[in-house]
Every structure is written in structure tokens, then in C-alpha cells.
Amino acid sequence: MRKHLEHLLKKQYVYGYMVFFNMNICRNNTLDIRQLTEYAHDHRIATDYHINETPMLEQDEHFKHLSDNPTYIRPDDWPEIDSLVDWLVEKNKAGYQMVKFGAAPAGNQGLHPNGQRARFETVGLER
């Protein structure tokens, strides 16, 4: 895979496209997110992050797959997700190229999983 990625990176300037990592933050991949972020920084690849929010269980009594899905962020996971988001904010402030970072579908404001309001901007992350 590395060979193909390196080929894509070399050709992006020739063909006028931009390679970036679009990452979905889940409960089971926080270490992967950190490693990919460092790899991207070392290879001048921009990153894009999204939080895999759990469906609104209170409104759908038919949804029975919360415990079966390893990607949904649960209340027990909030401290680790908070730590990851804080780490990403610090990396962005340190100059890591981040295209976008968001958790909300409308605009750039959303409710962070820990219940606090969070605002993520393209140019810089604020919390």
C-alpha cells in the first residue's frame, strides 16, 4: 500500500489533485488516528477528521445495535475521545495541516460528545 500512496503523492502536483487523509474517529481507532496524523505530518499530507457519533438512541427504540458496533462512541469512551481531540487541537496549533475538523452537520459548530459546545474551523481549531 505504501508504494501506491507514494505514487499518489508524487502525481498530485502533476495532475492537480490533493491527497489528504479523511479520518473517522471511532471508539476503537484512537491510536490509529494519532499514528496516521503523525504520518501525515511527516509526509506533508493534510488531514480531515470526523467524530463517529452514536445514533440518537432515545428517539429510536428499534435500534438494538449499540453494544454490537465497536465504532460507536459511548459515554465510557468520552475521556479518551476528549484526550484525542485535545491532542489534535494542539497539533493543529503546532502547524499540522488540517483541512477540516468537525462533529456537526450544520455549520462548524456542534455538541462535543462530552456535552460541551465546540467550534472547529478550517484555518485553526478552537475549543
N, C-alpha and C. Protein backbone atom coordinates (compact mmCIF):
# COMPACT_ATOMS: atom_id res chain seq x y z
N MET A 1 0.82 -1.19 0.00
CA MET A 1 0.00 0.00 0.00
C MET A 1 0.87 1.26 0.00
N ARG A 2 1.97 1.20 0.72
CA ARG A 2 2.85 2.37 0.79
C ARG A 2 3.33 2.80 -0.60
N LYS A 3 3.62 1.82 -1.45
CA LYS A 3 4.07 2.11 -2.82
C LYS A 3 3.00 2.91 -3.58
N HIS A 4 1.74 2.51 -3.45
CA HIS A 4 0.64 3.20 -4.14
C HIS A 4 0.43 4.60 -3.56
N LEU A 5 0.53 4.72 -2.24
CA LEU A 5 0.39 6.03 -1.60
C LEU A 5 1.49 6.98 -2.07
N GLU A 6 2.71 6.50 -2.10
CA GLU A 6 3.82 7.33 -2.56
C GLU A 6 3.62 7.77 -4.01
N HIS A 7 3.10 6.87 -4.84
CA HIS A 7 2.81 7.23 -6.24
C HIS A 7 1.75 8.34 -6.31
N LEU A 8 0.69 8.20 -5.51
CA LEU A 8 -0.36 9.23 -5.47
C LEU A 8 0.21 10.58 -5.02
N LEU A 9 1.06 10.54 -4.01
CA LEU A 9 1.65 11.78 -3.50
C LEU A 9 2.51 12.47 -4.55
N LYS A 10 3.29 11.70 -5.29
CA LYS A 10 4.14 12.27 -6.34
C LYS A 10 3.32 12.88 -7.48
N LYS A 11 2.25 12.23 -7.85
CA LYS A 11 1.48 12.64 -9.03
C LYS A 11 0.46 13.73 -8.76
N GLN A 12 0.22 14.07 -7.48
CA GLN A 12 -0.81 15.06 -7.20
C GLN A 12 -0.48 16.42 -7.81
N TYR A 13 0.79 16.76 -7.88
CA TYR A 13 1.18 18.04 -8.46
C TYR A 13 1.13 18.01 -9.98
N VAL A 14 1.35 16.85 -10.54
CA VAL A 14 1.31 16.70 -12.00
C VAL A 14 -0.13 16.82 -12.50
N TYR A 15 -1.05 16.17 -11.79
CA TYR A 15 -2.44 16.10 -12.26
C TYR A 15 -3.39 17.06 -11.54
N GLY A 16 -2.89 17.81 -10.58
CA GLY A 16 -3.69 18.86 -9.95
C GLY A 16 -4.73 18.39 -8.96
N TYR A 17 -4.45 17.36 -8.23
CA TYR A 17 -5.36 16.94 -7.15
C TYR A 17 -4.62 17.01 -5.83
N MET A 18 -5.35 16.90 -4.75
CA MET A 18 -4.75 16.99 -3.42
C MET A 18 -5.03 15.71 -2.64
N VAL A 19 -4.00 15.11 -2.10
CA VAL A 19 -4.15 13.92 -1.27
C VAL A 19 -4.29 14.38 0.18
N PHE A 20 -5.30 13.87 0.85
CA PHE A 20 -5.41 14.10 2.28
C PHE A 20 -6.07 12.90 2.93
N PHE A 21 -5.84 12.73 4.21
CA PHE A 21 -6.43 11.62 4.96
C PHE A 21 -7.73 12.10 5.58
N ASN A 22 -8.83 11.44 5.24
CA ASN A 22 -10.14 11.72 5.80
C ASN A 22 -10.40 10.64 6.85
N MET A 23 -10.33 11.03 8.12
CA MET A 23 -10.38 10.06 9.21
C MET A 23 -11.65 10.18 10.03
N ASN A 24 -12.24 9.05 10.31
CA ASN A 24 -13.44 8.97 11.13
C ASN A 24 -13.03 8.48 12.52
N ILE A 25 -13.17 9.32 13.53
CA ILE A 25 -12.78 8.97 14.89
C ILE A 25 -13.84 8.07 15.49
N CYS A 26 -13.43 6.86 15.87
CA CYS A 26 -14.30 5.87 16.48
C CYS A 26 -13.73 5.47 17.83
N ARG A 27 -14.48 4.71 18.57
CA ARG A 27 -14.01 4.28 19.89
C ARG A 27 -12.84 3.31 19.78
N ASN A 28 -12.71 2.64 18.66
CA ASN A 28 -11.70 1.59 18.53
C ASN A 28 -10.52 1.98 17.65
N ASN A 29 -10.35 3.29 17.33
CA ASN A 29 -9.23 3.64 16.45
C ASN A 29 -8.46 4.89 16.89
N THR A 30 -8.53 5.24 18.16
CA THR A 30 -7.87 6.48 18.59
C THR A 30 -6.35 6.40 18.41
N LEU A 31 -5.76 5.24 18.64
CA LEU A 31 -4.32 5.10 18.40
C LEU A 31 -4.01 5.22 16.91
N ASP A 32 -4.85 4.63 16.07
CA ASP A 32 -4.65 4.74 14.62
C ASP A 32 -4.72 6.20 14.17
N ILE A 33 -5.65 6.96 14.72
CA ILE A 33 -5.79 8.38 14.37
C ILE A 33 -4.50 9.13 14.71
N ARG A 34 -3.96 8.86 15.89
CA ARG A 34 -2.71 9.52 16.28
C ARG A 34 -1.56 9.14 15.34
N GLN A 35 -1.45 7.85 15.02
CA GLN A 35 -0.36 7.40 14.15
C GLN A 35 -0.51 7.95 12.74
N LEU A 36 -1.72 7.95 12.21
CA LEU A 36 -1.93 8.49 10.85
C LEU A 36 -1.70 9.99 10.82
N THR A 37 -2.06 10.69 11.89
CA THR A 37 -1.82 12.13 11.96
C THR A 37 -0.32 12.42 11.92
N GLU A 38 0.46 11.65 12.66
CA GLU A 38 1.92 11.83 12.66
C GLU A 38 2.50 11.48 11.29
N TYR A 39 2.03 10.38 10.69
CA TYR A 39 2.50 10.00 9.36
C TYR A 39 2.18 11.12 8.36
N ALA A 40 0.97 11.62 8.42
CA ALA A 40 0.56 12.69 7.51
C ALA A 40 1.44 13.92 7.68
N HIS A 41 1.70 14.28 8.91
CA HIS A 41 2.54 15.45 9.17
C HIS A 41 3.95 15.24 8.61
N ASP A 42 4.51 14.07 8.85
CA ASP A 42 5.86 13.77 8.38
C ASP A 42 5.96 13.76 6.86
N HIS A 43 4.84 13.48 6.17
CA HIS A 43 4.85 13.39 4.71
C HIS A 43 4.07 14.52 4.03
N ARG A 44 3.80 15.57 4.79
CA ARG A 44 3.12 16.77 4.28
C ARG A 44 1.78 16.45 3.63
N ILE A 45 1.00 15.62 4.32
CA ILE A 45 -0.34 15.27 3.87
C ILE A 45 -1.33 15.94 4.81
N ALA A 46 -2.30 16.64 4.25
CA ALA A 46 -3.31 17.27 5.08
C ALA A 46 -4.26 16.20 5.64
N THR A 47 -4.92 16.53 6.73
CA THR A 47 -5.84 15.59 7.37
C THR A 47 -7.22 16.23 7.54
N ASP A 48 -8.20 15.39 7.68
CA ASP A 48 -9.60 15.79 7.86
C ASP A 48 -10.20 14.80 8.86
N TYR A 49 -10.90 15.29 9.88
CA TYR A 49 -11.39 14.43 10.96
C TYR A 49 -12.90 14.57 11.13
N HIS A 50 -13.51 13.46 11.48
CA HIS A 50 -14.94 13.43 11.80
C HIS A 50 -15.13 12.51 13.00
N ILE A 51 -16.05 12.87 13.84
CA ILE A 51 -16.34 12.04 15.01
C ILE A 51 -17.53 11.13 14.67
N ASN A 52 -17.34 9.84 14.85
CA ASN A 52 -18.39 8.87 14.58
C ASN A 52 -19.40 8.91 15.73
N GLU A 53 -20.40 9.73 15.56
CA GLU A 53 -21.38 9.90 16.63
C GLU A 53 -22.35 8.73 16.67
N THR A 54 -22.73 8.38 17.87
CA THR A 54 -23.71 7.32 18.09
C THR A 54 -25.08 7.82 17.66
N PRO A 55 -25.88 6.98 17.05
CA PRO A 55 -27.24 7.40 16.69
C PRO A 55 -28.02 7.86 17.93
N MET A 56 -29.02 8.66 17.72
CA MET A 56 -29.85 9.16 18.83
C MET A 56 -30.74 8.02 19.33
N LEU A 57 -30.24 7.30 20.28
CA LEU A 57 -30.92 6.11 20.78
C LEU A 57 -32.24 6.42 21.46
N GLU A 58 -32.31 7.59 22.09
CA GLU A 58 -33.53 7.96 22.80
C GLU A 58 -34.72 8.10 21.85
N GLN A 59 -34.46 8.40 20.60
CA GLN A 59 -35.53 8.63 19.65
C GLN A 59 -35.84 7.42 18.78
N ASP A 60 -35.09 6.37 18.94
CA ASP A 60 -35.32 5.20 18.10
C ASP A 60 -35.29 3.94 18.95
N GLU A 61 -36.43 3.55 19.44
CA GLU A 61 -36.50 2.37 20.30
C GLU A 61 -36.21 1.07 19.54
N HIS A 62 -36.18 1.15 18.23
CA HIS A 62 -35.94 -0.04 17.42
C HIS A 62 -34.46 -0.33 17.23
N PHE A 63 -33.61 0.66 17.56
CA PHE A 63 -32.17 0.48 17.37
C PHE A 63 -31.63 -0.40 18.48
N LYS A 64 -31.07 -1.53 18.12
CA LYS A 64 -30.60 -2.51 19.11
C LYS A 64 -29.13 -2.87 18.95
N HIS A 65 -28.36 -2.08 18.20
CA HIS A 65 -27.01 -2.49 17.85
C HIS A 65 -25.90 -1.71 18.54
N LEU A 66 -26.21 -0.98 19.59
CA LEU A 66 -25.18 -0.17 20.24
C LEU A 66 -24.04 -1.03 20.76
N SER A 67 -24.35 -2.09 21.46
CA SER A 67 -23.29 -2.91 22.04
C SER A 67 -22.61 -3.80 21.01
N ASP A 68 -23.23 -4.00 19.85
CA ASP A 68 -22.66 -4.84 18.81
C ASP A 68 -21.70 -4.09 17.88
N ASN A 69 -21.73 -2.77 17.91
CA ASN A 69 -20.93 -1.99 16.97
C ASN A 69 -19.72 -1.41 17.70
N PRO A 70 -18.51 -1.85 17.34
CA PRO A 70 -17.32 -1.37 18.06
C PRO A 70 -16.91 0.06 17.71
N THR A 71 -17.58 0.68 16.74
CA THR A 71 -17.18 2.03 16.34
C THR A 71 -17.92 3.13 17.09
N TYR A 72 -19.11 2.85 17.61
CA TYR A 72 -19.90 3.90 18.27
C TYR A 72 -19.23 4.36 19.56
N ILE A 73 -19.17 5.67 19.72
CA ILE A 73 -18.59 6.26 20.92
C ILE A 73 -19.64 6.25 22.02
N ARG A 74 -19.28 5.64 23.13
CA ARG A 74 -20.19 5.52 24.28
C ARG A 74 -19.72 6.45 25.39
N PRO A 75 -20.57 6.73 26.37
CA PRO A 75 -20.15 7.62 27.46
C PRO A 75 -18.84 7.19 28.13
N ASP A 76 -18.59 5.91 28.24
CA ASP A 76 -17.32 5.44 28.84
C ASP A 76 -16.11 5.85 28.00
N ASP A 77 -16.33 6.11 26.72
CA ASP A 77 -15.23 6.46 25.81
C ASP A 77 -14.93 7.95 25.79
N TRP A 78 -15.80 8.78 26.35
CA TRP A 78 -15.64 10.23 26.25
C TRP A 78 -14.29 10.74 26.75
N PRO A 79 -13.74 10.23 27.86
CA PRO A 79 -12.42 10.74 28.27
C PRO A 79 -11.33 10.50 27.22
N GLU A 80 -11.32 9.33 26.60
CA GLU A 80 -10.31 9.04 25.56
C GLU A 80 -10.53 9.91 24.32
N ILE A 81 -11.79 10.10 23.94
CA ILE A 81 -12.09 10.95 22.77
C ILE A 81 -11.73 12.39 23.08
N ASP A 82 -12.03 12.87 24.30
CA ASP A 82 -11.64 14.22 24.70
C ASP A 82 -10.13 14.40 24.62
N SER A 83 -9.40 13.39 25.10
CA SER A 83 -7.95 13.45 25.06
C SER A 83 -7.44 13.53 23.62
N LEU A 84 -8.03 12.74 22.75
CA LEU A 84 -7.64 12.76 21.34
C LEU A 84 -7.94 14.11 20.70
N VAL A 85 -9.12 14.65 20.95
CA VAL A 85 -9.48 15.95 20.39
C VAL A 85 -8.53 17.03 20.90
N ASP A 86 -8.23 17.01 22.20
CA ASP A 86 -7.27 17.98 22.75
C ASP A 86 -5.91 17.84 22.07
N TRP A 87 -5.47 16.61 21.84
CA TRP A 87 -4.20 16.35 21.18
C TRP A 87 -4.22 16.89 19.76
N LEU A 88 -5.34 16.67 19.04
CA LEU A 88 -5.46 17.17 17.67
C LEU A 88 -5.45 18.70 17.64
N VAL A 89 -6.10 19.33 18.59
CA VAL A 89 -6.11 20.79 18.66
C VAL A 89 -4.68 21.29 18.84
N GLU A 90 -3.93 20.66 19.74
CA GLU A 90 -2.54 21.06 19.95
C GLU A 90 -1.70 20.85 18.70
N LYS A 91 -1.90 19.76 18.00
CA LYS A 91 -1.16 19.51 16.77
C LYS A 91 -1.49 20.56 15.72
N ASN A 92 -2.77 20.94 15.63
CA ASN A 92 -3.16 21.97 14.68
C ASN A 92 -2.49 23.30 15.02
N LYS A 93 -2.47 23.63 16.30
CA LYS A 93 -1.81 24.88 16.73
C LYS A 93 -0.31 24.84 16.45
N ALA A 94 0.26 23.63 16.43
CA ALA A 94 1.68 23.47 16.16
C ALA A 94 1.99 23.49 14.66
N GLY A 95 0.97 23.62 13.82
CA GLY A 95 1.20 23.76 12.39
C GLY A 95 0.86 22.55 11.54
N TYR A 96 0.29 21.52 12.14
CA TYR A 96 -0.11 20.36 11.34
C TYR A 96 -1.21 20.78 10.37
N GLN A 97 -1.12 20.33 9.12
CA GLN A 97 -2.10 20.71 8.10
C GLN A 97 -3.39 19.93 8.32
N MET A 98 -4.45 20.64 8.66
CA MET A 98 -5.76 20.01 8.86
C MET A 98 -6.77 20.76 8.01
N VAL A 99 -7.39 20.03 7.09
CA VAL A 99 -8.34 20.62 6.17
C VAL A 99 -9.58 21.07 6.93
N LYS A 100 -10.08 20.21 7.79
CA LYS A 100 -11.33 20.48 8.49
C LYS A 100 -11.40 19.53 9.67
N PHE A 101 -12.11 19.96 10.70
CA PHE A 101 -12.31 19.08 11.85
C PHE A 101 -13.68 19.39 12.39
N GLY A 102 -14.59 18.45 12.34
CA GLY A 102 -15.93 18.77 12.77
C GLY A 102 -16.68 17.59 13.33
N ALA A 103 -17.70 17.91 14.09
CA ALA A 103 -18.54 16.88 14.67
C ALA A 103 -20.00 17.15 14.39
N ALA A 104 -20.28 18.24 13.69
CA ALA A 104 -21.67 18.63 13.50
C ALA A 104 -22.00 18.76 12.03
N PRO A 105 -23.18 18.39 11.61
CA PRO A 105 -23.55 18.51 10.21
C PRO A 105 -23.85 19.94 9.78
N ALA A 106 -24.32 20.78 10.68
CA ALA A 106 -24.71 22.14 10.32
C ALA A 106 -23.62 23.12 10.71
N GLY A 107 -23.04 23.78 9.74
CA GLY A 107 -22.00 24.76 10.01
C GLY A 107 -20.79 24.12 10.65
N ASN A 108 -20.05 24.90 11.41
CA ASN A 108 -18.87 24.38 12.09
C ASN A 108 -19.05 24.39 13.59
N GLN A 109 -20.28 24.36 14.06
CA GLN A 109 -20.50 24.30 15.48
C GLN A 109 -21.25 23.04 15.81
N GLY A 110 -20.90 22.44 16.91
CA GLY A 110 -21.56 21.20 17.27
C GLY A 110 -21.47 20.93 18.74
N LEU A 111 -22.11 19.89 19.15
CA LEU A 111 -22.06 19.47 20.52
C LEU A 111 -21.05 18.36 20.62
N HIS A 112 -19.99 18.62 21.33
CA HIS A 112 -18.94 17.62 21.51
C HIS A 112 -19.51 16.47 22.32
N PRO A 113 -19.00 15.25 22.15
CA PRO A 113 -19.56 14.11 22.87
C PRO A 113 -19.63 14.31 24.39
N ASN A 114 -18.75 15.15 24.96
CA ASN A 114 -18.82 15.33 26.40
C ASN A 114 -19.88 16.36 26.81
N GLY A 115 -20.64 16.85 25.85
CA GLY A 115 -21.72 17.76 26.14
C GLY A 115 -21.35 19.23 26.06
N GLN A 116 -20.09 19.55 25.87
CA GLN A 116 -19.66 20.94 25.78
C GLN A 116 -19.77 21.42 24.34
N ARG A 117 -20.04 22.71 24.18
CA ARG A 117 -20.05 23.29 22.84
C ARG A 117 -18.62 23.34 22.32
N ALA A 118 -18.44 22.96 21.08
CA ALA A 118 -17.12 23.01 20.46
C ALA A 118 -17.24 23.68 19.11
N ARG A 119 -16.24 24.46 18.74
CA ARG A 119 -16.22 25.09 17.43
C ARG A 119 -14.92 24.72 16.75
N PHE A 120 -15.02 24.17 15.56
CA PHE A 120 -13.86 23.74 14.80
C PHE A 120 -13.84 24.52 13.49
N GLU A 121 -12.73 25.12 13.17
CA GLU A 121 -12.65 25.92 11.95
C GLU A 121 -11.58 25.36 11.04
N THR A 122 -11.72 25.67 9.76
CA THR A 122 -10.78 25.18 8.76
C THR A 122 -9.36 25.72 9.01
N VAL A 123 -9.25 26.98 9.32
CA VAL A 123 -7.94 27.59 9.48
C VAL A 123 -7.28 27.14 10.79
N GLY A 124 -8.04 27.09 11.85
CA GLY A 124 -7.48 26.67 13.14
C GLY A 124 -8.58 26.10 14.00
N LEU A 125 -8.19 25.24 14.90
CA LEU A 125 -9.17 24.62 15.78
C LEU A 125 -9.26 25.42 17.07
N GLU A 126 -10.46 25.64 17.51
CA GLU A 126 -10.67 26.29 18.78
C GLU A 126 -11.54 25.39 19.62
N ARG A 127 -11.35 25.44 20.89
CA ARG A 127 -12.15 24.61 21.76
C ARG A 127 -12.59 25.39 22.95
